[in-house]
């Protein structure tokens, strides 16, 4: 009788519910949602997109405005807590704004990715694209960082973060419609374009979570 009651209790309890995947968005002001109300930034819009597509995931905002690749390297270890299942990595924009050497950014990004890889955490690598005003050699060396490191660390490589905006046919109109007055950060509608583009690749990233 006691065994029968125990079996009925187990059946009534049903299967244990799986915990949602924890996805950390690690980056700078583009990740943090600079200049936007909290609910309009990249992370909340991505969370809403993933919810709408049935993904059982909690997205954590680990964006720090002004962060360089060196700043990211300095804080990556304490970000990689045991509950982190996957990561989106978006850094390099502030290195570009400061004209820092591409080799420095490469070394920092390589070290960050090595730390993530060492934890067995799948990563989506979102590049920055160097402007032409530093010269073609600088642009070539900087832009090569992301595809080369993606291969080296088995990361999923996306197109650059702002490409969904900057690739629109009328660039002047795109900047007016989708970028904040500072000319650097997307507005709410610009973030929505970015999320629509990155969302499917984030789902691919989540499929890698074991």
N, C-alpha and C. Protein backbone atom coordinates (compact mmCIF):
# COMPACT_ATOMS: atom_id res chain seq x y z
N UNK A 1 0.83 -1.21 0.00
CA UNK A 1 0.00 0.00 0.00
C UNK A 1 0.86 1.26 0.00
N UNK A 2 1.91 1.23 0.86
CA UNK A 2 2.80 2.40 0.91
C UNK A 2 3.45 2.64 -0.44
N UNK A 3 3.90 1.54 -1.10
CA UNK A 3 4.54 1.67 -2.42
C UNK A 3 3.56 2.23 -3.45
N UNK A 4 2.31 1.77 -3.36
CA UNK A 4 1.31 2.26 -4.32
C UNK A 4 1.06 3.75 -4.16
N UNK A 5 0.97 4.19 -2.89
CA UNK A 5 0.77 5.62 -2.63
C UNK A 5 1.94 6.44 -3.14
N UNK A 6 3.17 5.93 -2.95
CA UNK A 6 4.37 6.62 -3.42
C UNK A 6 4.35 6.76 -4.93
N UNK A 7 3.98 5.66 -5.63
CA UNK A 7 3.94 5.71 -7.09
C UNK A 7 2.91 6.73 -7.59
N UNK A 8 1.73 6.77 -6.91
CA UNK A 8 0.72 7.74 -7.30
C UNK A 8 1.21 9.17 -7.09
N UNK A 9 1.97 9.39 -6.03
CA UNK A 9 2.51 10.73 -5.76
C UNK A 9 3.48 11.16 -6.84
N UNK A 10 4.33 10.23 -7.28
CA UNK A 10 5.29 10.55 -8.34
C UNK A 10 4.57 10.89 -9.63
N UNK A 11 3.53 10.10 -9.96
CA UNK A 11 2.79 10.36 -11.19
C UNK A 11 2.07 11.70 -11.14
N UNK A 12 1.52 12.02 -9.96
CA UNK A 12 0.81 13.28 -9.83
C UNK A 12 1.74 14.47 -9.97
N UNK A 13 2.98 14.30 -9.50
CA UNK A 13 3.94 15.40 -9.59
C UNK A 13 4.33 15.71 -11.01
N UNK A 14 4.32 14.69 -11.89
CA UNK A 14 4.67 14.90 -13.28
C UNK A 14 6.17 15.05 -13.47
N UNK A 15 6.63 15.22 -14.72
CA UNK A 15 8.06 15.37 -14.98
C UNK A 15 8.58 16.70 -14.48
N UNK A 16 9.86 16.71 -14.09
CA UNK A 16 10.49 17.96 -13.64
C UNK A 16 10.60 18.93 -14.81
N UNK A 17 10.30 20.18 -14.55
CA UNK A 17 10.40 21.20 -15.59
C UNK A 17 11.85 21.61 -15.79
N UNK A 18 12.28 21.68 -17.06
CA UNK A 18 13.66 22.08 -17.35
C UNK A 18 13.82 23.57 -17.07
N UNK A 19 14.97 23.93 -16.55
CA UNK A 19 15.27 25.33 -16.32
C UNK A 19 15.50 26.04 -17.66
N UNK A 20 15.05 27.29 -17.81
CA UNK A 20 15.35 28.02 -19.05
C UNK A 20 16.86 28.17 -19.24
N UNK A 21 17.27 28.19 -20.48
CA UNK A 21 18.67 28.45 -20.81
C UNK A 21 19.02 29.89 -20.41
N UNK A 22 20.20 30.09 -19.86
CA UNK A 22 20.68 31.43 -19.53
C UNK A 22 21.65 31.89 -20.61
N UNK A 23 21.27 32.94 -21.31
CA UNK A 23 22.07 33.51 -22.40
C UNK A 23 22.57 34.88 -21.97
N UNK A 24 23.88 35.07 -21.96
CA UNK A 24 24.47 36.34 -21.58
C UNK A 24 24.86 37.12 -22.83
N UNK A 25 24.36 38.36 -22.93
CA UNK A 25 24.77 39.28 -24.00
C UNK A 25 25.89 40.14 -23.44
N UNK A 26 27.11 39.90 -23.91
CA UNK A 26 28.31 40.51 -23.35
C UNK A 26 28.86 41.51 -24.37
N UNK A 27 28.91 42.78 -23.98
CA UNK A 27 29.39 43.76 -24.95
C UNK A 27 29.49 45.15 -24.38
N UNK A 28 29.32 46.14 -25.25
CA UNK A 28 29.47 47.54 -24.87
C UNK A 28 28.11 48.24 -24.92
N UNK A 29 28.09 49.51 -25.31
CA UNK A 29 26.84 50.28 -25.28
C UNK A 29 25.80 49.75 -26.25
N UNK A 30 26.21 49.12 -27.34
CA UNK A 30 25.24 48.55 -28.27
C UNK A 30 24.44 47.44 -27.60
N UNK A 31 25.10 46.68 -26.75
CA UNK A 31 24.44 45.64 -25.98
C UNK A 31 23.67 46.25 -24.81
N UNK A 32 24.28 47.22 -24.14
CA UNK A 32 23.68 47.81 -22.94
C UNK A 32 22.38 48.55 -23.23
N UNK A 33 22.23 49.06 -24.46
CA UNK A 33 21.03 49.83 -24.81
C UNK A 33 21.19 51.31 -24.54
N UNK A 34 22.37 51.83 -24.80
CA UNK A 34 22.67 53.24 -24.55
C UNK A 34 21.65 54.17 -25.20
N UNK A 35 21.18 55.15 -24.42
CA UNK A 35 20.30 56.19 -24.94
C UNK A 35 18.85 55.79 -25.09
N UNK A 36 18.50 54.58 -24.66
CA UNK A 36 17.14 54.08 -24.84
C UNK A 36 16.49 53.76 -23.50
N UNK A 37 15.17 53.85 -23.42
CA UNK A 37 14.48 53.33 -22.23
C UNK A 37 14.82 51.85 -22.06
N UNK A 38 14.84 51.35 -20.84
CA UNK A 38 15.26 49.96 -20.60
C UNK A 38 14.55 48.93 -21.47
N UNK A 39 13.26 49.13 -21.74
CA UNK A 39 12.49 48.13 -22.48
C UNK A 39 12.72 48.21 -24.00
N UNK A 40 13.44 49.24 -24.48
CA UNK A 40 13.67 49.39 -25.92
C UNK A 40 15.06 48.93 -26.35
N UNK A 41 15.92 48.57 -25.41
CA UNK A 41 17.28 48.20 -25.73
C UNK A 41 17.39 46.84 -26.41
N UNK A 42 18.62 46.48 -26.76
CA UNK A 42 18.87 45.24 -27.49
C UNK A 42 18.42 44.01 -26.72
N UNK A 43 18.79 43.93 -25.45
CA UNK A 43 18.48 42.72 -24.68
C UNK A 43 16.98 42.51 -24.48
N UNK A 44 16.21 43.52 -24.04
CA UNK A 44 14.77 43.28 -23.90
C UNK A 44 14.07 43.00 -25.23
N UNK A 45 14.52 43.65 -26.31
CA UNK A 45 13.90 43.35 -27.60
C UNK A 45 14.25 41.94 -28.08
N UNK A 46 15.48 41.52 -27.82
CA UNK A 46 15.86 40.15 -28.17
C UNK A 46 15.08 39.15 -27.33
N UNK A 47 14.94 39.44 -26.03
CA UNK A 47 14.16 38.55 -25.16
C UNK A 47 12.74 38.39 -25.69
N UNK A 48 12.12 39.50 -26.07
CA UNK A 48 10.75 39.45 -26.60
C UNK A 48 10.69 38.63 -27.89
N UNK A 49 11.68 38.81 -28.77
CA UNK A 49 11.72 38.07 -30.03
C UNK A 49 11.84 36.57 -29.75
N UNK A 50 12.73 36.21 -28.84
CA UNK A 50 12.92 34.80 -28.52
C UNK A 50 11.67 34.21 -27.87
N UNK A 51 11.04 34.98 -26.99
CA UNK A 51 9.78 34.52 -26.38
C UNK A 51 8.74 34.24 -27.45
N UNK A 52 8.63 35.15 -28.42
CA UNK A 52 7.64 35.00 -29.48
C UNK A 52 7.92 33.78 -30.35
N UNK A 53 9.19 33.35 -30.37
CA UNK A 53 9.57 32.19 -31.19
C UNK A 53 9.71 30.92 -30.36
N UNK A 54 9.18 30.94 -29.15
CA UNK A 54 9.09 29.74 -28.34
C UNK A 54 10.36 29.28 -27.68
N UNK A 55 11.36 30.13 -27.60
CA UNK A 55 12.63 29.74 -26.96
C UNK A 55 12.52 29.87 -25.45
N UNK A 56 12.90 28.82 -24.74
CA UNK A 56 12.92 28.83 -23.27
C UNK A 56 14.28 29.37 -22.83
N UNK A 57 14.40 30.68 -22.76
CA UNK A 57 15.70 31.30 -22.50
C UNK A 57 15.51 32.59 -21.72
N UNK A 58 16.46 32.86 -20.85
CA UNK A 58 16.53 34.14 -20.14
C UNK A 58 17.79 34.86 -20.62
N UNK A 59 17.61 36.06 -21.17
CA UNK A 59 18.74 36.83 -21.70
C UNK A 59 19.20 37.82 -20.63
N UNK A 60 20.48 37.78 -20.30
CA UNK A 60 21.07 38.65 -19.29
C UNK A 60 21.87 39.74 -19.97
N UNK A 61 21.66 40.98 -19.56
CA UNK A 61 22.37 42.12 -20.14
C UNK A 61 23.71 42.32 -19.42
N UNK A 62 24.80 41.97 -20.10
CA UNK A 62 26.14 42.21 -19.58
C UNK A 62 26.87 43.20 -20.48
N UNK A 63 26.13 44.23 -20.92
CA UNK A 63 26.74 45.30 -21.71
C UNK A 63 27.17 46.44 -20.82
N UNK A 64 28.35 46.97 -21.08
CA UNK A 64 28.89 48.11 -20.33
C UNK A 64 29.26 49.21 -21.33
N UNK A 65 28.56 50.31 -21.26
CA UNK A 65 28.83 51.41 -22.20
C UNK A 65 30.27 51.89 -22.06
N UNK A 66 30.91 52.08 -23.20
CA UNK A 66 32.29 52.54 -23.21
C UNK A 66 33.33 51.45 -23.13
N UNK A 67 32.89 50.21 -22.96
CA UNK A 67 33.84 49.11 -22.78
C UNK A 67 34.63 48.85 -24.07
N UNK A 68 35.92 48.70 -23.91
CA UNK A 68 36.79 48.25 -24.99
C UNK A 68 36.96 46.75 -24.88
N UNK A 69 37.70 46.16 -25.81
CA UNK A 69 38.00 44.73 -25.70
C UNK A 69 38.84 44.46 -24.46
N UNK A 70 39.69 45.41 -24.08
CA UNK A 70 40.48 45.24 -22.85
C UNK A 70 39.58 45.24 -21.63
N UNK A 71 38.57 46.12 -21.61
CA UNK A 71 37.62 46.15 -20.51
C UNK A 71 36.83 44.85 -20.44
N UNK A 72 36.44 44.33 -21.59
CA UNK A 72 35.74 43.06 -21.61
C UNK A 72 36.58 41.92 -21.07
N UNK A 73 37.85 41.91 -21.44
CA UNK A 73 38.75 40.87 -20.94
C UNK A 73 38.90 40.96 -19.43
N UNK A 74 38.91 42.17 -18.89
CA UNK A 74 39.09 42.36 -17.45
C UNK A 74 37.91 41.82 -16.65
N UNK A 75 36.72 41.72 -17.27
CA UNK A 75 35.54 41.30 -16.50
C UNK A 75 34.94 39.98 -16.97
N UNK A 76 35.54 39.35 -17.95
CA UNK A 76 34.92 38.13 -18.49
C UNK A 76 34.90 37.00 -17.47
N UNK A 77 35.92 36.88 -16.64
CA UNK A 77 35.96 35.73 -15.73
C UNK A 77 34.83 35.75 -14.73
N UNK A 78 34.51 36.93 -14.17
CA UNK A 78 33.43 36.97 -13.20
C UNK A 78 32.05 37.00 -13.84
N UNK A 79 32.02 37.15 -15.17
CA UNK A 79 30.74 37.03 -15.89
C UNK A 79 30.40 35.57 -16.17
N UNK A 80 31.42 34.74 -16.33
CA UNK A 80 31.22 33.34 -16.68
C UNK A 80 30.87 32.51 -15.44
N UNK A 81 29.73 32.79 -14.86
CA UNK A 81 29.27 32.05 -13.69
C UNK A 81 28.73 30.68 -14.13
N UNK A 82 28.59 29.73 -13.19
CA UNK A 82 28.18 28.38 -13.57
C UNK A 82 26.81 28.29 -14.25
N UNK A 83 25.96 29.28 -14.07
CA UNK A 83 24.61 29.21 -14.66
C UNK A 83 24.57 29.68 -16.11
N UNK A 84 25.68 30.20 -16.65
CA UNK A 84 25.70 30.69 -18.03
C UNK A 84 25.75 29.51 -18.99
N UNK A 85 24.80 29.47 -19.92
CA UNK A 85 24.72 28.37 -20.89
C UNK A 85 25.20 28.76 -22.29
N UNK A 86 25.10 30.04 -22.63
CA UNK A 86 25.49 30.51 -23.97
C UNK A 86 25.79 32.00 -23.87
N UNK A 87 26.50 32.51 -24.89
CA UNK A 87 26.91 33.91 -24.83
C UNK A 87 26.89 34.54 -26.22
N UNK A 88 26.45 35.80 -26.25
CA UNK A 88 26.61 36.66 -27.43
C UNK A 88 27.72 37.64 -27.12
N UNK A 89 28.73 37.72 -27.98
CA UNK A 89 29.89 38.58 -27.75
C UNK A 89 29.92 39.68 -28.80
N UNK A 90 29.81 40.94 -28.34
CA UNK A 90 29.81 42.10 -29.24
C UNK A 90 30.73 43.17 -28.66
N UNK A 91 31.97 43.17 -29.08
CA UNK A 91 32.95 44.16 -28.62
C UNK A 91 33.81 44.62 -29.79
N UNK A 92 34.44 45.77 -29.60
CA UNK A 92 35.36 46.28 -30.61
C UNK A 92 35.03 47.68 -31.08
N UNK A 93 33.77 48.12 -30.87
CA UNK A 93 33.39 49.44 -31.34
C UNK A 93 34.16 50.56 -30.68
N UNK A 94 34.42 50.44 -29.40
CA UNK A 94 35.16 51.50 -28.70
C UNK A 94 36.65 51.46 -29.00
N UNK A 95 37.17 50.29 -29.34
CA UNK A 95 38.54 50.22 -29.84
C UNK A 95 38.66 51.01 -31.13
N UNK A 96 37.63 50.89 -31.98
CA UNK A 96 37.63 51.64 -33.23
C UNK A 96 37.53 53.13 -32.99
N UNK A 97 36.64 53.55 -32.09
CA UNK A 97 36.49 54.97 -31.82
C UNK A 97 37.79 55.59 -31.32
N UNK A 98 38.60 54.80 -30.62
CA UNK A 98 39.86 55.30 -30.08
C UNK A 98 41.04 55.06 -31.02
N UNK A 99 40.78 54.38 -32.13
CA UNK A 99 41.84 54.08 -33.08
C UNK A 99 42.92 53.17 -32.51
N UNK A 100 42.53 52.27 -31.63
CA UNK A 100 43.51 51.37 -31.01
C UNK A 100 44.03 50.35 -32.04
N UNK A 101 45.23 49.86 -31.85
CA UNK A 101 45.81 48.93 -32.82
C UNK A 101 44.96 47.66 -32.97
N UNK A 102 44.72 47.21 -34.20
CA UNK A 102 43.96 45.98 -34.39
C UNK A 102 44.57 44.79 -33.67
N UNK A 103 45.90 44.75 -33.59
CA UNK A 103 46.55 43.62 -32.92
C UNK A 103 46.19 43.56 -31.44
N UNK A 104 45.99 44.72 -30.84
CA UNK A 104 45.58 44.76 -29.43
C UNK A 104 44.17 44.22 -29.26
N UNK A 105 43.27 44.66 -30.13
CA UNK A 105 41.89 44.15 -30.07
C UNK A 105 41.86 42.65 -30.33
N UNK A 106 42.65 42.19 -31.29
CA UNK A 106 42.69 40.76 -31.60
C UNK A 106 43.14 39.95 -30.38
N UNK A 107 44.20 40.40 -29.73
CA UNK A 107 44.70 39.68 -28.57
C UNK A 107 43.67 39.60 -27.46
N UNK A 108 42.98 40.70 -27.21
CA UNK A 108 41.95 40.72 -26.17
C UNK A 108 40.77 39.81 -26.52
N UNK A 109 40.32 39.90 -27.77
CA UNK A 109 39.19 39.07 -28.19
C UNK A 109 39.56 37.59 -28.19
N UNK A 110 40.78 37.29 -28.59
CA UNK A 110 41.26 35.91 -28.56
C UNK A 110 41.23 35.36 -27.14
N UNK A 111 41.67 36.18 -26.18
CA UNK A 111 41.69 35.75 -24.79
C UNK A 111 40.28 35.58 -24.23
N UNK A 112 39.38 36.50 -24.59
CA UNK A 112 37.98 36.39 -24.14
C UNK A 112 37.36 35.10 -24.67
N UNK A 113 37.53 34.86 -25.96
CA UNK A 113 36.96 33.66 -26.56
C UNK A 113 37.56 32.39 -25.98
N UNK A 114 38.85 32.44 -25.65
CA UNK A 114 39.48 31.27 -25.03
C UNK A 114 38.87 30.98 -23.67
N UNK A 115 38.58 32.03 -22.91
CA UNK A 115 37.94 31.84 -21.60
C UNK A 115 36.56 31.21 -21.76
N UNK A 116 35.79 31.72 -22.73
CA UNK A 116 34.44 31.19 -22.97
C UNK A 116 34.53 29.74 -23.44
N UNK A 117 35.43 29.48 -24.37
CA UNK A 117 35.59 28.13 -24.90
C UNK A 117 36.02 27.16 -23.79
N UNK A 118 36.86 27.65 -22.89
CA UNK A 118 37.33 26.81 -21.79
C UNK A 118 36.22 26.37 -20.87
N UNK A 119 35.12 27.12 -20.83
CA UNK A 119 33.97 26.77 -20.02
C UNK A 119 32.98 25.89 -20.79
N UNK A 120 33.29 25.61 -22.05
CA UNK A 120 32.38 24.80 -22.86
C UNK A 120 31.10 25.51 -23.22
N UNK A 121 31.15 26.84 -23.32
CA UNK A 121 29.96 27.65 -23.58
C UNK A 121 29.94 28.06 -25.06
N UNK A 122 28.87 27.74 -25.79
CA UNK A 122 28.79 28.18 -27.18
C UNK A 122 28.64 29.70 -27.26
N UNK A 123 29.20 30.28 -28.31
CA UNK A 123 29.22 31.74 -28.40
C UNK A 123 28.84 32.19 -29.81
N UNK A 124 28.07 33.27 -29.85
CA UNK A 124 27.73 33.96 -31.10
C UNK A 124 28.59 35.21 -31.16
N UNK A 125 29.44 35.32 -32.15
CA UNK A 125 30.38 36.43 -32.28
C UNK A 125 29.83 37.44 -33.27
N UNK A 126 29.56 38.66 -32.77
CA UNK A 126 28.97 39.72 -33.59
C UNK A 126 30.06 40.76 -33.87
N UNK A 127 30.51 40.89 -35.11
CA UNK A 127 31.64 41.77 -35.41
C UNK A 127 31.32 43.25 -35.37
N UNK A 128 32.37 44.03 -35.31
CA UNK A 128 32.35 45.44 -35.63
C UNK A 128 33.11 45.60 -36.96
N UNK A 129 32.71 46.57 -37.73
CA UNK A 129 33.37 46.82 -39.01
C UNK A 129 34.08 48.17 -38.96
N UNK A 130 35.37 48.17 -39.27
CA UNK A 130 36.16 49.40 -39.18
C UNK A 130 35.75 50.38 -40.28
N UNK A 131 35.66 51.67 -39.95
CA UNK A 131 35.41 52.68 -40.99
C UNK A 131 36.64 52.86 -41.87
N UNK A 132 36.45 53.53 -42.99
CA UNK A 132 37.56 53.69 -43.92
C UNK A 132 38.52 54.81 -43.57
N UNK A 133 38.17 55.64 -42.57
CA UNK A 133 39.00 56.83 -42.32
C UNK A 133 40.34 56.51 -41.68
N UNK A 134 40.53 55.28 -41.19
CA UNK A 134 41.84 54.90 -40.67
C UNK A 134 42.76 54.34 -41.75
N UNK A 135 42.25 54.24 -42.95
CA UNK A 135 43.04 53.72 -44.05
C UNK A 135 42.72 52.26 -44.33
N UNK A 136 42.98 51.82 -45.57
CA UNK A 136 42.61 50.45 -45.97
C UNK A 136 43.36 49.36 -45.21
N UNK A 137 44.62 49.62 -44.84
CA UNK A 137 45.39 48.60 -44.12
C UNK A 137 44.79 48.35 -42.74
N UNK A 138 44.47 49.43 -42.03
CA UNK A 138 43.86 49.29 -40.71
C UNK A 138 42.54 48.53 -40.83
N UNK A 139 41.71 48.91 -41.80
CA UNK A 139 40.40 48.26 -41.96
C UNK A 139 40.58 46.77 -42.25
N UNK A 140 41.50 46.44 -43.12
CA UNK A 140 41.72 45.03 -43.46
C UNK A 140 42.14 44.23 -42.23
N UNK A 141 43.07 44.79 -41.46
CA UNK A 141 43.56 44.07 -40.27
C UNK A 141 42.49 43.96 -39.20
N UNK A 142 41.70 45.01 -39.01
CA UNK A 142 40.67 44.96 -37.97
C UNK A 142 39.53 44.03 -38.37
N UNK A 143 39.03 44.17 -39.59
CA UNK A 143 37.89 43.37 -40.01
C UNK A 143 38.21 41.88 -40.05
N UNK A 144 39.49 41.54 -40.21
CA UNK A 144 39.89 40.12 -40.26
C UNK A 144 39.84 39.46 -38.89
N UNK A 145 39.80 40.25 -37.82
CA UNK A 145 39.84 39.69 -36.46
C UNK A 145 38.71 38.69 -36.26
N UNK A 146 37.51 39.06 -36.61
CA UNK A 146 36.32 38.29 -36.24
C UNK A 146 36.19 36.96 -36.99
N UNK A 147 36.30 36.95 -38.33
CA UNK A 147 36.19 35.64 -39.00
C UNK A 147 37.31 34.69 -38.62
N UNK A 148 38.51 35.21 -38.43
CA UNK A 148 39.62 34.33 -38.08
C UNK A 148 39.46 33.75 -36.68
N UNK A 149 39.02 34.57 -35.72
CA UNK A 149 38.84 34.08 -34.36
C UNK A 149 37.60 33.18 -34.26
N UNK A 150 36.60 33.42 -35.07
CA UNK A 150 35.43 32.54 -35.08
C UNK A 150 35.84 31.12 -35.47
N UNK A 151 36.68 31.01 -36.47
CA UNK A 151 37.18 29.69 -36.88
C UNK A 151 38.03 29.07 -35.77
N UNK A 152 38.92 29.86 -35.20
CA UNK A 152 39.84 29.35 -34.18
C UNK A 152 39.11 28.85 -32.94
N UNK A 153 37.97 29.47 -32.61
CA UNK A 153 37.27 29.12 -31.37
C UNK A 153 35.89 28.50 -31.61
N UNK A 154 35.62 28.09 -32.84
CA UNK A 154 34.36 27.43 -33.17
C UNK A 154 33.15 28.26 -32.75
N UNK A 155 33.23 29.56 -32.98
CA UNK A 155 32.12 30.46 -32.67
C UNK A 155 31.23 30.63 -33.90
N UNK A 156 29.97 30.92 -33.67
CA UNK A 156 29.07 31.26 -34.77
C UNK A 156 29.28 32.72 -35.11
N UNK A 157 29.62 33.01 -36.36
CA UNK A 157 29.91 34.38 -36.79
C UNK A 157 28.69 34.97 -37.48
N UNK A 158 28.32 36.19 -37.08
CA UNK A 158 27.22 36.90 -37.73
C UNK A 158 27.79 38.01 -38.60
N UNK A 159 26.92 38.74 -39.25
CA UNK A 159 27.35 39.97 -39.91
C UNK A 159 27.53 41.05 -38.83
N UNK A 160 28.23 42.14 -39.14
CA UNK A 160 28.42 43.21 -38.14
C UNK A 160 27.09 43.72 -37.58
N UNK A 161 27.13 44.16 -36.33
CA UNK A 161 25.93 44.53 -35.57
C UNK A 161 25.05 45.52 -36.32
N UNK A 162 25.64 46.55 -36.90
CA UNK A 162 24.86 47.63 -37.52
C UNK A 162 24.55 47.40 -39.00
N UNK A 163 24.96 46.27 -39.56
CA UNK A 163 24.73 46.02 -40.97
C UNK A 163 23.26 46.09 -41.38
N UNK A 164 22.31 45.59 -40.58
CA UNK A 164 20.91 45.70 -41.00
C UNK A 164 20.45 47.14 -41.24
N UNK A 165 21.12 48.09 -40.61
CA UNK A 165 20.79 49.51 -40.82
C UNK A 165 21.63 50.09 -41.95
N UNK A 166 22.93 49.88 -41.88
CA UNK A 166 23.84 50.53 -42.83
C UNK A 166 23.76 49.95 -44.24
N UNK A 167 23.16 48.76 -44.38
CA UNK A 167 23.05 48.16 -45.71
C UNK A 167 21.76 48.56 -46.44
N UNK A 168 20.92 49.36 -45.79
CA UNK A 168 19.71 49.81 -46.46
C UNK A 168 20.06 50.71 -47.65
N UNK A 169 19.25 50.70 -48.70
CA UNK A 169 19.62 51.40 -49.94
C UNK A 169 19.92 52.89 -49.77
N UNK A 170 19.09 53.58 -49.00
CA UNK A 170 19.28 55.01 -48.79
C UNK A 170 19.95 55.20 -47.42
N UNK A 171 21.26 55.34 -47.43
CA UNK A 171 22.01 55.39 -46.18
C UNK A 171 21.63 56.61 -45.33
N UNK A 172 21.45 57.75 -45.98
CA UNK A 172 21.10 58.95 -45.23
C UNK A 172 19.74 58.78 -44.54
N UNK A 173 18.79 58.21 -45.24
CA UNK A 173 17.46 57.97 -44.67
C UNK A 173 17.55 56.92 -43.55
N UNK A 174 18.37 55.90 -43.76
CA UNK A 174 18.52 54.86 -42.75
C UNK A 174 19.07 55.45 -41.45
N UNK A 175 20.05 56.32 -41.56
CA UNK A 175 20.63 56.94 -40.37
C UNK A 175 19.60 57.82 -39.67
N UNK A 176 18.79 58.52 -40.46
CA UNK A 176 17.77 59.40 -39.88
C UNK A 176 16.66 58.60 -39.21
N UNK A 177 16.30 57.46 -39.79
CA UNK A 177 15.16 56.68 -39.30
C UNK A 177 15.52 55.71 -38.18
N UNK A 178 16.76 55.23 -38.18
CA UNK A 178 17.08 54.09 -37.31
C UNK A 178 18.25 54.32 -36.35
N UNK A 179 18.83 55.51 -36.37
CA UNK A 179 19.99 55.79 -35.51
C UNK A 179 19.69 57.02 -34.66
N UNK A 180 20.18 56.99 -33.43
CA UNK A 180 20.00 58.12 -32.53
C UNK A 180 20.78 59.34 -33.04
N UNK A 181 20.47 60.53 -32.54
CA UNK A 181 21.15 61.74 -33.02
C UNK A 181 22.66 61.72 -32.89
N UNK A 182 23.22 60.85 -32.01
CA UNK A 182 24.68 60.79 -31.89
C UNK A 182 25.34 60.14 -33.10
N UNK A 183 24.55 59.55 -33.97
CA UNK A 183 25.08 58.93 -35.18
C UNK A 183 25.77 57.61 -34.96
N UNK A 184 25.71 57.07 -33.75
CA UNK A 184 26.45 55.84 -33.41
C UNK A 184 25.55 54.70 -32.96
N UNK A 185 24.50 55.03 -32.22
CA UNK A 185 23.69 54.00 -31.57
C UNK A 185 22.31 53.91 -32.21
N UNK A 186 21.83 52.69 -32.44
CA UNK A 186 20.50 52.56 -33.02
C UNK A 186 19.41 53.02 -32.07
N UNK A 187 18.33 53.57 -32.65
CA UNK A 187 17.15 53.88 -31.85
C UNK A 187 16.31 52.61 -31.69
N UNK A 188 15.12 52.76 -31.12
CA UNK A 188 14.27 51.58 -30.88
C UNK A 188 14.01 50.80 -32.17
N UNK A 189 13.68 51.51 -33.24
CA UNK A 189 13.38 50.83 -34.50
C UNK A 189 14.64 50.21 -35.11
N UNK A 190 15.77 50.87 -34.90
CA UNK A 190 17.03 50.31 -35.39
C UNK A 190 17.39 49.03 -34.66
N UNK A 191 17.19 49.02 -33.36
CA UNK A 191 17.42 47.81 -32.58
C UNK A 191 16.51 46.68 -33.07
N UNK A 192 15.27 47.02 -33.38
CA UNK A 192 14.34 46.00 -33.88
C UNK A 192 14.86 45.37 -35.17
N UNK A 193 15.44 46.17 -36.07
CA UNK A 193 16.03 45.63 -37.30
C UNK A 193 17.17 44.68 -36.97
N UNK A 194 18.02 45.08 -36.04
CA UNK A 194 19.16 44.24 -35.64
C UNK A 194 18.67 42.92 -35.06
N UNK A 195 17.67 42.98 -34.19
CA UNK A 195 17.15 41.78 -33.55
C UNK A 195 16.52 40.83 -34.57
N UNK A 196 15.80 41.38 -35.53
CA UNK A 196 15.17 40.54 -36.56
C UNK A 196 16.24 39.78 -37.36
N UNK A 197 17.39 40.41 -37.55
CA UNK A 197 18.47 39.77 -38.29
C UNK A 197 19.22 38.75 -37.44
N UNK A 198 19.52 39.12 -36.19
CA UNK A 198 20.30 38.24 -35.33
C UNK A 198 19.47 37.11 -34.72
N UNK A 199 18.16 37.32 -34.58
CA UNK A 199 17.33 36.35 -33.89
C UNK A 199 17.49 34.92 -34.37
N UNK A 200 17.38 34.65 -35.67
CA UNK A 200 17.54 33.27 -36.13
C UNK A 200 18.90 32.67 -35.79
N UNK A 201 19.95 33.49 -35.80
CA UNK A 201 21.27 32.97 -35.45
C UNK A 201 21.39 32.72 -33.95
N UNK A 202 20.65 33.48 -33.16
CA UNK A 202 20.61 33.20 -31.72
C UNK A 202 19.93 31.86 -31.48
N UNK A 203 18.90 31.54 -32.23
CA UNK A 203 18.25 30.24 -32.11
C UNK A 203 19.23 29.12 -32.47
N UNK A 204 20.05 29.35 -33.48
CA UNK A 204 21.07 28.37 -33.84
C UNK A 204 22.07 28.21 -32.69
N UNK A 205 22.43 29.32 -32.06
CA UNK A 205 23.32 29.26 -30.91
C UNK A 205 22.70 28.42 -29.79
N UNK A 206 21.43 28.64 -29.51
CA UNK A 206 20.77 27.91 -28.43
C UNK A 206 20.70 26.42 -28.71
N UNK A 207 20.68 26.05 -29.98
CA UNK A 207 20.69 24.63 -30.33
C UNK A 207 22.00 23.95 -29.95
N UNK A 208 23.04 24.75 -29.73
CA UNK A 208 24.34 24.19 -29.35
C UNK A 208 24.47 23.94 -27.85
N UNK A 209 23.52 24.46 -27.09
CA UNK A 209 23.58 24.29 -25.64
C UNK A 209 23.32 22.85 -25.28
N UNK A 210 24.20 22.27 -24.48
CA UNK A 210 24.06 20.87 -24.09
C UNK A 210 23.34 20.75 -22.75
